[in-house]
Protein backbone atom coordinates (compact mmCIF):
# COMPACT_ATOMS: atom_id res chain seq x y z
CA UNK A 1 -84.91 -120.83 82.40
CA UNK A 2 -85.04 -119.35 78.92
CA UNK A 3 -85.76 -121.83 76.18
CA UNK A 4 -82.72 -122.71 74.05
CA UNK A 5 -83.26 -122.32 70.35
CA UNK A 6 -82.77 -125.44 68.26
CA UNK A 7 -81.23 -125.66 64.79
CA UNK A 8 -84.68 -125.95 63.21
CA UNK A 9 -85.84 -122.81 65.04
CA UNK A 10 -82.79 -120.92 63.78
CA UNK A 11 -83.74 -122.08 60.29
CA UNK A 12 -87.26 -120.78 60.81
CA UNK A 13 -85.94 -117.37 61.81
CA UNK A 14 -83.69 -117.20 58.73
CA UNK A 15 -86.54 -118.31 56.53
CA UNK A 16 -88.79 -115.58 57.90
CA UNK A 17 -86.06 -112.93 57.55
CA UNK A 18 -85.56 -113.86 53.90
CA UNK A 19 -89.31 -113.71 53.38
CA UNK A 20 -89.50 -110.19 54.82
CA UNK A 21 -86.52 -108.94 52.78
CA UNK A 22 -88.11 -110.18 49.56
CA UNK A 23 -91.33 -108.41 50.43
CA UNK A 24 -90.16 -105.12 51.95
CA UNK A 25 -86.75 -104.59 50.43
CA UNK A 26 -83.46 -104.47 52.33
CA UNK A 27 -83.75 -101.22 54.38
CA UNK A 28 -87.35 -101.63 55.55
CA UNK A 29 -86.80 -105.33 56.17
CA UNK A 30 -83.84 -104.64 58.44
CA UNK A 31 -85.89 -102.27 60.56
CA UNK A 32 -88.76 -104.73 60.72
CA UNK A 33 -86.55 -107.73 61.51
CA UNK A 34 -84.70 -105.84 64.24
CA UNK A 35 -88.02 -105.07 65.91
CA UNK A 36 -89.36 -108.55 65.18
CA UNK A 37 -86.33 -110.42 66.55
CA UNK A 38 -86.61 -108.53 69.86
CA UNK A 39 -90.12 -109.88 70.21
CA UNK A 40 -89.13 -113.33 69.03
CA UNK A 41 -86.47 -113.50 71.72
CA UNK A 42 -88.96 -112.33 74.35
CA UNK A 43 -91.39 -115.04 73.36
CA UNK A 44 -88.75 -117.74 73.72
CA UNK A 45 -87.80 -116.38 77.12
CA UNK A 46 -91.42 -116.84 78.13
CA UNK A 47 -91.36 -120.36 76.69
CA UNK A 48 -94.01 -119.89 74.02
CA UNK A 49 -93.81 -123.02 71.81
CA UNK A 50 -97.15 -122.40 70.04
CA UNK A 51 -95.69 -119.37 68.32
CA UNK A 52 -93.46 -121.59 66.18
CA UNK A 53 -96.47 -123.00 64.35
CA UNK A 54 -98.08 -119.61 64.09
CA UNK A 55 -95.02 -118.05 62.48
CA UNK A 56 -94.75 -120.87 59.98
CA UNK A 57 -98.40 -120.34 59.19
CA UNK A 58 -97.79 -116.63 58.59
CA UNK A 59 -94.82 -117.37 56.33
CA UNK A 60 -96.78 -119.86 54.25
CA UNK A 61 -99.84 -117.63 54.01
CA UNK A 62 -100.70 -116.93 50.38
CA UNK A 63 -100.76 -113.14 50.81
CA UNK A 64 -97.34 -111.87 51.92
CA UNK A 65 -98.45 -108.37 52.97
CA UNK A 66 -101.14 -109.78 55.20
CA UNK A 67 -98.64 -112.17 56.78
CA UNK A 68 -96.46 -109.23 57.84
CA UNK A 69 -99.43 -107.38 59.31
CA UNK A 70 -100.50 -110.57 61.05
CA UNK A 71 -97.12 -111.16 62.67
CA UNK A 72 -96.69 -107.53 63.72
CA UNK A 73 -100.14 -107.20 65.28
CA UNK A 74 -99.95 -110.57 67.00
CA UNK A 75 -96.68 -109.62 68.60
CA UNK A 76 -98.14 -106.34 69.85
CA UNK A 77 -101.11 -108.19 71.29
CA UNK A 78 -99.08 -110.90 73.04
CA UNK A 79 -96.57 -108.41 74.49
CA UNK A 80 -99.28 -107.18 76.83
CA UNK A 81 -98.82 -109.09 80.10
CA UNK A 82 -102.55 -109.55 80.76
CA UNK A 83 -103.11 -111.02 77.31
CA UNK A 84 -100.21 -113.41 77.73
CA UNK A 85 -101.45 -114.57 81.15
CA UNK A 86 -104.88 -115.37 79.68
CA UNK A 87 -103.21 -117.15 76.80
CA UNK A 88 -101.17 -119.45 79.06
CA UNK A 89 -104.34 -120.72 80.78
CA UNK A 90 -105.82 -122.03 77.53
CA UNK A 91 -105.65 -125.65 76.41
CA UNK A 92 -103.86 -126.39 73.10
CA UNK A 93 -107.25 -126.60 71.33
CA UNK A 94 -108.37 -123.28 72.84
CA UNK A 95 -105.08 -121.68 71.82
CA UNK A 96 -105.65 -122.86 68.26
CA UNK A 97 -109.15 -121.32 68.29
CA UNK A 98 -107.75 -118.01 69.60
CA UNK A 99 -105.11 -117.99 66.87
CA UNK A 100 -107.72 -118.73 64.19
CA UNK A 101 -110.01 -115.96 65.46
CA UNK A 102 -107.19 -113.48 65.55
CA UNK A 103 -105.96 -114.63 62.16
CA UNK A 104 -109.48 -114.06 60.78
CA UNK A 105 -109.70 -110.55 62.22
CA UNK A 106 -106.38 -109.55 60.65
CA UNK A 107 -107.49 -110.93 57.28
CA UNK A 108 -110.81 -109.09 57.61
CA UNK A 109 -109.06 -105.78 58.34
CA UNK A 110 -106.70 -106.32 55.43
CA UNK A 111 -109.54 -107.07 52.98
CA UNK A 112 -111.61 -104.10 54.21
CA UNK A 113 -108.64 -101.84 53.54
CA UNK A 114 -108.34 -103.18 49.98
CA UNK A 115 -112.05 -102.39 49.38
CA UNK A 116 -111.74 -98.71 50.30
CA UNK A 117 -110.95 -97.65 46.74
CA UNK A 118 -114.28 -99.21 45.68
CA UNK A 119 -116.27 -97.50 48.45
CA UNK A 120 -116.13 -100.40 50.90
CA UNK A 121 -118.86 -103.01 51.09
CA UNK A 122 -121.56 -100.46 50.27
CA UNK A 123 -119.67 -99.46 47.14
CA UNK A 124 -119.47 -103.10 46.06
CA UNK A 125 -123.22 -103.51 46.64
CA UNK A 126 -123.91 -100.38 44.56
CA UNK A 127 -121.84 -101.82 41.71
CA UNK A 128 -123.74 -105.11 41.94
CA UNK A 129 -127.08 -103.27 41.79
CA UNK A 130 -125.89 -101.26 38.79
CA UNK A 131 -124.79 -104.45 37.04
CA UNK A 132 -128.13 -106.08 37.83
CA UNK A 133 -129.89 -103.09 36.22
CA UNK A 134 -127.76 -103.49 33.10
CA UNK A 135 -128.69 -107.18 32.93
CA UNK A 136 -132.41 -106.44 33.27
CA UNK A 137 -132.10 -104.13 30.25
CA UNK A 138 -130.27 -106.96 28.45
CA UNK A 139 -127.35 -104.65 27.73
CA UNK A 140 -124.79 -107.42 27.31
CA UNK A 141 -122.18 -105.16 25.74
CA UNK A 142 -121.66 -103.04 28.87
CA UNK A 143 -122.20 -105.84 31.38
CA UNK A 144 -118.81 -107.57 30.91
CA UNK A 145 -116.94 -104.29 31.57
CA UNK A 146 -118.77 -103.83 34.87
CA UNK A 147 -118.31 -107.46 35.84
CA UNK A 148 -114.53 -107.31 35.32
CA UNK A 149 -114.35 -104.43 37.80
CA UNK A 150 -116.17 -106.56 40.36
CA UNK A 151 -113.90 -109.55 39.78
CA UNK A 152 -110.84 -107.31 40.22
CA UNK A 153 -112.09 -106.58 43.74
CA UNK A 154 -111.39 -110.19 44.61
CA UNK A 155 -107.72 -110.01 43.59
CA UNK A 156 -106.78 -109.07 47.15
CA UNK A 157 -109.11 -111.57 48.79
CA UNK A 158 -107.05 -113.19 51.59
CA UNK A 159 -109.66 -115.82 52.52
CA UNK A 160 -108.56 -119.19 51.16
CA UNK A 161 -110.35 -122.29 52.46
CA UNK A 162 -108.47 -125.49 53.18
CA UNK A 163 -109.18 -128.91 54.69
CA UNK A 164 -109.15 -127.51 58.22
CA UNK A 165 -110.89 -124.17 57.78
CA UNK A 166 -113.76 -122.98 55.59
CA UNK A 167 -114.63 -119.45 54.50
CA UNK A 168 -118.10 -118.79 53.08
CA UNK A 169 -119.98 -115.75 51.79
CA UNK A 170 -123.71 -116.22 52.44
CA UNK A 171 -125.91 -113.11 52.38
CA UNK A 172 -129.38 -114.64 52.67
CA UNK A 173 -130.41 -115.27 56.30
CA UNK A 174 -132.30 -118.49 55.66
CA UNK A 175 -129.52 -119.90 53.51
CA UNK A 176 -126.99 -119.15 56.28
CA UNK A 177 -129.11 -121.13 58.76
CA UNK A 178 -129.57 -123.93 56.20
CA UNK A 179 -125.80 -124.08 55.66
CA UNK A 180 -125.16 -124.23 59.40
CA UNK A 181 -127.78 -126.94 59.82
CA UNK A 182 -126.14 -129.19 57.23
CA UNK A 183 -122.58 -128.49 58.44
CA UNK A 184 -122.98 -128.82 62.22
CA UNK A 185 -119.84 -130.91 62.70
CA UNK A 186 -117.54 -128.29 61.16
CA UNK A 187 -119.38 -125.05 61.98
CA UNK A 188 -116.76 -123.96 64.55
CA UNK A 189 -114.23 -123.89 61.70
CA UNK A 190 -116.39 -121.75 59.40
CA UNK A 191 -116.36 -117.96 58.96
CA UNK A 192 -118.97 -116.08 56.93
CA UNK A 193 -117.24 -113.10 55.26
CA UNK A 194 -120.41 -111.65 53.74
CA UNK A 195 -120.26 -108.74 56.20
CA UNK A 196 -116.99 -107.71 54.53
CA UNK A 197 -117.77 -108.41 50.87
CA UNK A 198 -120.65 -110.25 49.07
CA UNK A 199 -118.25 -112.53 47.19
CA UNK A 200 -121.03 -115.02 46.38
CA UNK A 201 -123.00 -112.47 44.36
CA UNK A 202 -119.96 -111.17 42.46
CA UNK A 203 -119.43 -114.63 41.00
CA UNK A 204 -123.18 -115.22 40.53
CA UNK A 205 -123.65 -112.01 38.49
CA UNK A 206 -120.66 -112.92 36.33
CA UNK A 207 -122.18 -116.36 35.78
CA UNK A 208 -125.48 -114.79 34.67
CA UNK A 209 -123.67 -112.59 32.14
CA UNK A 210 -121.74 -115.54 30.71
CA UNK A 211 -124.94 -117.63 30.55
CA UNK A 212 -126.91 -114.93 28.73
CA UNK A 213 -124.07 -114.54 26.23
CA UNK A 214 -124.04 -118.29 25.59
CA UNK A 215 -120.61 -118.84 27.16
CA UNK A 216 -121.67 -121.86 29.21
CA UNK A 217 -118.18 -123.03 30.21
CA UNK A 218 -117.46 -119.58 31.71
CA UNK A 219 -120.88 -119.58 33.38
CA UNK A 220 -120.17 -123.00 34.90
CA UNK A 221 -116.77 -121.82 36.19
CA UNK A 222 -118.33 -118.80 37.93
CA UNK A 223 -121.21 -120.87 39.30
CA UNK A 224 -118.77 -123.37 40.80
CA UNK A 225 -117.08 -120.41 42.50
CA UNK A 226 -120.49 -119.17 43.69
CA UNK A 227 -121.25 -122.59 45.20
CA UNK A 228 -117.80 -122.80 46.75
CA UNK A 229 -118.65 -119.64 48.70
CA UNK A 230 -122.29 -120.61 49.27
CA UNK A 231 -122.91 -124.36 48.82
CA UNK A 232 -126.67 -123.92 49.48
CA UNK A 233 -127.23 -121.01 47.06
CA UNK A 234 -130.67 -121.74 45.59
CA UNK A 235 -130.22 -119.49 42.57
CA UNK A 236 -126.63 -120.64 42.10
CA UNK A 237 -127.84 -124.24 41.86
CA UNK A 238 -130.73 -123.26 39.59
CA UNK A 239 -128.42 -121.47 37.14
CA UNK A 240 -125.97 -124.38 37.22
CA UNK A 241 -128.82 -126.78 36.38
CA UNK A 242 -129.73 -124.52 33.44
CA UNK A 243 -126.12 -124.57 32.22
CA UNK A 244 -126.12 -128.38 32.31
CA UNK A 245 -129.45 -128.48 30.49
CA UNK A 246 -128.11 -126.21 27.74
CA UNK A 247 -125.10 -128.49 27.39
CA UNK A 248 -127.36 -131.57 27.48
CA UNK A 249 -125.52 -132.99 30.49
CA UNK A 250 -128.59 -134.82 31.73
CA UNK A 251 -127.27 -136.57 34.84
CA UNK A 252 -125.54 -133.45 36.15
CA UNK A 253 -128.64 -131.35 35.54
CA UNK A 254 -130.94 -133.79 37.38
CA UNK A 255 -128.53 -134.11 40.32
CA UNK A 256 -128.27 -130.31 40.58
CA UNK A 257 -132.06 -129.84 40.45
CA UNK A 258 -132.55 -132.39 43.22
CA UNK A 259 -129.85 -130.70 45.30
CA UNK A 260 -131.52 -127.31 44.79
CA UNK A 261 -134.97 -128.63 45.81
CA UNK A 262 -133.40 -129.92 49.02
CA UNK A 263 -132.57 -126.34 50.06
CA UNK A 264 -135.57 -124.51 48.50
CA UNK A 265 -137.80 -122.54 50.89
CA UNK A 266 -139.76 -120.03 48.77
CA UNK A 267 -142.63 -120.81 46.34
CA UNK A 268 -140.60 -119.12 43.58
CA UNK A 269 -137.71 -121.53 44.25
CA UNK A 270 -139.94 -124.54 43.63
CA UNK A 271 -141.41 -123.05 40.48
CA UNK A 272 -138.01 -122.46 38.87
CA UNK A 273 -136.68 -125.89 39.83
CA UNK A 274 -139.81 -127.68 38.55
CA UNK A 275 -139.43 -125.58 35.39
CA UNK A 276 -135.88 -126.89 35.06
CA UNK A 277 -137.11 -130.43 35.72
CA UNK A 278 -139.73 -130.00 32.99
CA UNK A 279 -136.91 -129.01 30.58
CA UNK A 280 -134.97 -132.10 31.67
CA UNK A 281 -137.88 -134.44 30.91
CA UNK A 282 -138.83 -132.56 27.74
CA UNK A 283 -135.26 -132.86 26.47
CA UNK A 284 -135.48 -136.60 26.95
CA UNK A 285 -138.97 -136.84 25.37
CA UNK A 286 -140.62 -137.96 28.63
CA UNK A 287 -143.86 -136.02 28.26
CA UNK A 288 -145.82 -137.72 31.02
CA UNK A 289 -143.07 -136.86 33.51
CA UNK A 290 -143.25 -133.26 32.25
CA UNK A 291 -146.96 -133.26 33.17
CA UNK A 292 -146.08 -134.64 36.62
CA UNK A 293 -143.77 -131.64 37.14
CA UNK A 294 -146.52 -129.25 36.03
CA UNK A 295 -148.80 -130.89 38.59
CA UNK A 296 -146.22 -130.13 41.30
CA UNK A 297 -145.50 -126.66 39.98
CA UNK A 298 -149.22 -125.89 40.21
CA UNK A 299 -148.97 -126.13 44.01
CA UNK A 300 -146.74 -123.05 44.02
CA UNK A 301 -148.81 -120.93 41.56
CA UNK A 302 -149.99 -118.27 43.99
CA UNK A 303 -150.74 -115.32 41.69
CA UNK A 304 -152.68 -114.74 38.46
CA UNK A 305 -149.44 -114.39 36.52
CA UNK A 306 -147.95 -117.66 37.80
CA UNK A 307 -151.29 -119.46 37.32
CA UNK A 308 -151.37 -118.36 33.68
CA UNK A 309 -147.81 -119.60 33.22
CA UNK A 310 -148.80 -123.00 34.60
CA UNK A 311 -151.88 -122.98 32.37
CA UNK A 312 -149.68 -122.29 29.35
CA UNK A 313 -147.45 -125.23 30.31
CA UNK A 314 -150.52 -127.44 30.49
CA UNK A 315 -151.67 -126.26 27.08
CA UNK A 316 -148.29 -126.95 25.47
CA UNK A 317 -147.52 -130.32 27.04
CA UNK A 318 -151.02 -131.80 27.31
CA UNK A 319 -151.23 -131.21 23.54
CA UNK A 320 -148.15 -133.40 23.26
CA UNK A 321 -150.08 -136.06 25.17
CA UNK A 322 -153.05 -135.60 22.81
CA UNK A 323 -155.20 -134.01 25.48
CA UNK A 324 -157.65 -131.16 24.99
CA UNK A 325 -156.22 -127.91 23.59
CA UNK A 326 -158.18 -125.27 25.54
CA UNK A 327 -157.22 -121.62 25.22
CA UNK A 328 -154.91 -120.40 27.99
CA UNK A 329 -157.47 -118.07 29.59
CA UNK A 330 -160.20 -120.73 29.60
CA UNK A 331 -157.72 -123.24 31.00
CA UNK A 332 -156.77 -120.83 33.80
CA UNK A 333 -160.38 -119.84 34.57
CA UNK A 334 -161.80 -123.35 34.35
CA UNK A 335 -159.21 -125.24 36.33
CA UNK A 336 -156.55 -123.41 38.31
CA UNK A 337 -158.36 -120.29 39.49
CA UNK A 338 -161.23 -122.18 41.20
CA UNK A 339 -158.66 -123.86 43.41
CA UNK A 340 -157.82 -120.40 44.79
CA UNK A 341 -161.51 -119.50 45.08
CA UNK A 342 -162.90 -122.68 46.59
CA UNK A 343 -165.69 -120.86 48.40
CA UNK A 344 -167.20 -119.46 45.21
CA UNK A 345 -167.56 -122.81 43.41
CA UNK A 346 -167.63 -125.23 46.35
CA UNK A 347 -164.11 -126.34 45.53
CA UNK A 348 -165.26 -127.99 42.26
CA UNK A 349 -163.80 -127.52 38.80
CA UNK A 350 -165.70 -126.56 35.70
CA UNK A 351 -166.91 -129.54 33.65
CA UNK A 352 -165.07 -128.14 30.62
CA UNK A 353 -161.79 -129.05 32.32
CA UNK A 354 -162.65 -132.71 32.76
CA UNK A 355 -160.18 -133.71 30.06
CA UNK A 356 -157.45 -131.34 31.20
CA UNK A 357 -154.63 -133.78 31.79
CA UNK A 358 -154.40 -137.50 32.23
CA UNK A 359 -151.99 -137.59 35.17
CA UNK A 360 -152.75 -138.86 38.65
CA UNK A 361 -151.11 -138.45 42.03
CA UNK A 362 -149.93 -142.04 41.64
CA UNK A 363 -148.21 -141.08 38.37
CA UNK A 364 -146.44 -138.19 40.12
CA UNK A 365 -145.32 -140.47 42.97
CA UNK A 366 -143.99 -143.00 40.51
CA UNK A 367 -142.07 -140.33 38.57
CA UNK A 368 -140.71 -138.89 41.83
CA UNK A 369 -139.60 -142.33 43.00
CA UNK A 370 -138.03 -143.25 39.66
CA UNK A 371 -135.99 -140.06 39.22
CA UNK A 372 -135.39 -139.17 42.87
CA UNK A 373 -136.89 -135.67 42.96
CA UNK A 374 -139.06 -134.54 45.93
CA UNK A 375 -142.81 -133.94 45.69
CA UNK A 376 -142.90 -131.46 48.56
CA UNK A 377 -140.82 -129.18 50.76
CA UNK A 378 -137.91 -130.76 52.62
CA UNK A 379 -139.32 -131.31 56.18
CA UNK A 380 -135.96 -130.23 57.65
CA UNK A 381 -136.38 -126.80 56.03
CA UNK A 382 -139.75 -126.34 57.74
CA UNK A 383 -138.36 -127.52 61.11
CA UNK A 384 -135.42 -125.16 60.74
CA UNK A 385 -137.64 -122.16 59.91
CA UNK A 386 -139.86 -122.94 62.93
CA UNK A 387 -136.85 -123.23 65.21
CA UNK A 388 -135.38 -119.96 63.95
CA UNK A 389 -138.72 -118.19 64.37
CA UNK A 390 -139.08 -119.44 67.95
CA UNK A 391 -135.56 -118.32 68.84
CA UNK A 392 -136.24 -114.90 67.32
CA UNK A 393 -139.48 -114.59 69.32
CA UNK A 394 -137.67 -115.50 72.55
CA UNK A 395 -134.97 -112.95 71.74
CA UNK A 396 -137.70 -110.36 70.98
CA UNK A 397 -136.22 -109.86 67.53
CA UNK A 398 -139.41 -108.86 65.71
CA UNK A 399 -137.79 -108.36 62.33
CA UNK A 400 -136.25 -111.83 62.26
CA UNK A 401 -139.37 -113.47 63.72
CA UNK A 402 -141.47 -111.91 60.96
CA UNK A 403 -138.94 -112.99 58.32
CA UNK A 404 -139.18 -116.67 59.29
CA UNK A 405 -142.95 -116.48 59.84
CA UNK A 406 -143.37 -115.23 56.26
CA UNK A 407 -141.41 -118.22 54.96
CA UNK A 408 -143.57 -120.63 57.01
CA UNK A 409 -146.84 -118.94 56.00
CA UNK A 410 -145.96 -119.08 52.29
CA UNK A 411 -145.08 -122.77 52.51
CA UNK A 412 -148.27 -123.53 54.46
CA UNK A 413 -150.38 -121.86 51.75
CA UNK A 414 -148.68 -124.06 49.17
CA UNK A 415 -149.37 -127.16 51.25
CA UNK A 416 -153.08 -126.28 51.48
CA UNK A 417 -153.17 -125.58 47.74
CA UNK A 418 -151.60 -129.00 47.08
CA UNK A 419 -154.45 -130.63 49.02
CA UNK A 420 -157.08 -128.77 46.99
CA UNK A 421 -155.36 -129.68 43.73
CA UNK A 422 -155.23 -133.34 44.79
CA UNK A 423 -158.97 -133.34 45.52
CA UNK A 424 -159.76 -131.58 42.24
CA UNK A 425 -157.73 -134.02 40.12
CA UNK A 426 -159.25 -137.01 41.94
CA UNK A 427 -162.72 -135.69 41.12
CA UNK A 428 -161.69 -135.08 37.55
CA UNK A 429 -160.50 -138.65 37.11
CA UNK A 430 -163.66 -140.08 38.74
CA UNK A 431 -165.75 -137.98 36.38
CA UNK A 432 -163.84 -139.34 33.39
CA UNK A 433 -164.32 -142.95 34.57
CA UNK A 434 -168.06 -142.45 35.07
CA UNK A 435 -168.46 -140.84 31.66
């Protein structure tokens, strides 16, 4: 028996017809509605109650054009007998998943079409690279013009997250796995749209421009958008911490730094976050805690350039603590470099560095405990990288296996360096006590 339409269903039909007329105009709407109502009637004859919810969802969708495309394509799909038979066998939960998947595909097609005038995803990436080049040259007059073009791309973005469904844009492989790890309970309701458009980086580049121009409120707004699309963005969190530091919002800056260190997985990530933490302590005149951060930063100084930067930090801040004021090169040669060349000097430091800095591992632990920042890599990040590498090896995906192996190798080198630094500082302190 055909299903009898209720008063509320009649109201839904009228509501949808009005919606289409407002969008398409009278003539086109009449043609569309005539075709649509035929299909609506057919669905009721097949007793398809789930369609009621779906139609309401299409009507309430924030992009009217996409709603029309969605309804039209869904009807075409469901009018095929084999598709409808498969559909009937699903549970209500499975039907909802099918609807969400189909809904996502229609949105994706719609957004791709809107990107054609910009050259598609590749065109967007080219514009991002060009903008990045402008920023490197510090050409802040041209940068805003380019950034506005990129933001305009997002005008037709149909992906709007809500309490039930989350859209993200995460380009970096490791960050995508980190996000999935920390959102296991809701991962089935998440879609990563990075393959369509790198939304995350559009907002991030705009944040960088605003930051460099001293417009910190605009930078914060764009960084919040960046983190909405990628909640584990390491550089998004780092820039947000810098914004808070510039605005002297101490609690927010510390919380953001700690959050960023939770997701960090590259030596460069740790260096920039410990840099930010140094600025936090320096801004609050906590010089010994600054030295504790330099101690930790030293673990991730893997090149001559980064070693010299750490040495310079020591020179500046140990002077604040009334320690020795060695020249940067001597400081680097006498203390940090031997840690990388343990075989040449039997893992011992030069005697000239014996008064380098009066900070112990115990001091670092106490500072870490007091302010809540980590002293080392989040163990879950290492476990995750190992798991991803093993899966890639089993799948014979050499590129991905090498990617995760590089992350693990870099972190292992830092761990070994931390041990050598700990031994060196212990010896230094013993030498000072004996003298």
